[in-house]
Amino acid sequence: MRDLAPKLLSFATGMIGGAVAGAVFSRFWRIVSDEDEVPQPTALDRGLSEVLVVGALQGAVFGVVKAALSRITSRGYQRFTGESLPG
């Protein structure tokens, strides 16, 4: 039972992080490209270089958001319980 709380916390953080990162990237893409939708990798009407750049930027945004939320969650868990998150 003791291991359940950190696992649920990690799951919730991941879900929230994905939603936040998606929203941040969509807004970022609208600003830099003047387009409403992010090109999908399967959109054959887009160039390969554009799709690869979008994928790299999207990965960077998701990575930064995930790292930030993991750090915030870990600090909060430590303050609340006095222990570090396992893993």
Protein backbone atom coordinates (compact mmCIF):
# COMPACT_ATOMS: atom_id res chain seq x y z
CA MET A 1 0.00 0.00 0.00
CA ARG A 2 2.93 2.31 0.75
CA ASP A 3 4.13 2.08 -2.87
CA LEU A 4 0.69 2.92 -4.27
CA ALA A 5 0.73 6.66 -3.48
CA PRO A 6 3.97 7.41 -5.36
CA LYS A 7 2.78 5.37 -8.34
CA LEU A 8 -0.56 7.17 -8.47
CA LEU A 9 1.21 10.50 -8.08
CA SER A 10 3.56 9.68 -10.95
CA PHE A 11 0.64 8.57 -13.13
CA ALA A 12 -1.32 11.75 -12.42
CA THR A 13 1.74 13.92 -13.02
CA GLY A 14 2.31 12.19 -16.36
CA MET A 15 -1.27 12.75 -17.47
CA ILE A 16 -1.23 16.40 -16.44
CA GLY A 17 2.22 16.87 -17.96
CA GLY A 18 1.09 15.50 -21.30
CA ALA A 19 -1.90 17.84 -21.38
CA VAL A 20 0.18 20.86 -20.36
CA ALA A 21 2.94 20.07 -22.85
CA GLY A 22 0.42 19.61 -25.66
CA ALA A 23 -1.21 22.95 -24.90
CA VAL A 24 2.15 24.73 -24.63
CA PHE A 25 3.37 23.29 -27.91
CA SER A 26 0.14 24.10 -29.75
CA ARG A 27 0.36 27.71 -28.63
CA PHE A 28 4.06 27.83 -29.52
CA TRP A 29 3.36 26.40 -32.98
CA ARG A 30 0.61 28.96 -33.64
CA ILE A 31 3.04 31.77 -32.79
CA VAL A 32 5.97 30.56 -34.90
CA SER A 33 4.04 29.28 -37.92
CA ASP A 34 0.79 31.30 -38.12
CA GLU A 35 -1.03 27.96 -38.49
CA ASP A 36 -3.73 26.61 -36.18
CA GLU A 37 -2.82 22.94 -36.39
CA VAL A 38 0.48 21.16 -35.85
CA PRO A 39 1.48 19.08 -38.90
CA GLN A 40 1.15 15.36 -38.30
CA PRO A 41 3.97 13.00 -39.35
CA THR A 42 1.53 11.20 -41.65
CA ALA A 43 0.60 14.40 -43.56
CA LEU A 44 2.14 13.66 -46.93
CA ASP A 45 1.45 17.19 -48.16
CA ARG A 46 4.13 18.46 -45.74
CA GLY A 47 7.84 18.24 -46.36
CA LEU A 48 9.96 15.74 -44.48
CA SER A 49 12.19 18.43 -42.98
CA GLU A 50 9.14 20.33 -41.63
CA VAL A 51 7.74 17.19 -40.03
CA LEU A 52 11.11 16.33 -38.48
CA VAL A 53 11.58 19.84 -37.09
CA VAL A 54 8.08 19.74 -35.60
CA GLY A 55 8.85 16.36 -34.00
CA ALA A 56 12.12 17.61 -32.53
CA LEU A 57 10.52 20.76 -31.11
CA GLN A 58 7.59 18.79 -29.75
CA GLY A 59 9.95 16.33 -28.07
CA ALA A 60 11.94 19.16 -26.50
CA VAL A 61 8.82 20.83 -25.11
CA PHE A 62 7.49 17.53 -23.72
CA GLY A 63 10.87 16.75 -22.17
CA VAL A 64 11.15 20.13 -20.45
CA VAL A 65 7.58 20.01 -19.13
CA LYS A 66 8.05 16.43 -17.90
CA ALA A 67 11.30 17.30 -16.12
CA ALA A 68 9.79 20.40 -14.52
CA LEU A 69 6.68 18.59 -13.28
CA SER A 70 8.69 15.63 -12.03
CA ARG A 71 10.92 17.98 -10.05
CA ILE A 72 7.96 19.91 -8.60
CA THR A 73 6.20 16.66 -7.69
CA SER A 74 9.31 15.22 -6.09
CA ARG A 75 9.86 18.35 -3.98
CA GLY A 76 6.22 18.43 -2.89
CA TYR A 77 6.24 14.74 -1.99
CA GLN A 78 9.42 15.21 0.05
CA ARG A 79 7.97 18.20 1.92
CA PHE A 80 4.72 16.36 2.60
CA THR A 81 6.15 12.98 3.64
CA GLY A 82 9.75 13.75 4.58
CA GLU A 83 10.88 11.05 2.13
CA SER A 84 12.14 11.10 -1.44
CA LEU A 85 10.02 9.65 -4.22
CA PRO A 86 11.25 6.16 -5.06
CA GLY A 87 12.84 5.62 -8.45
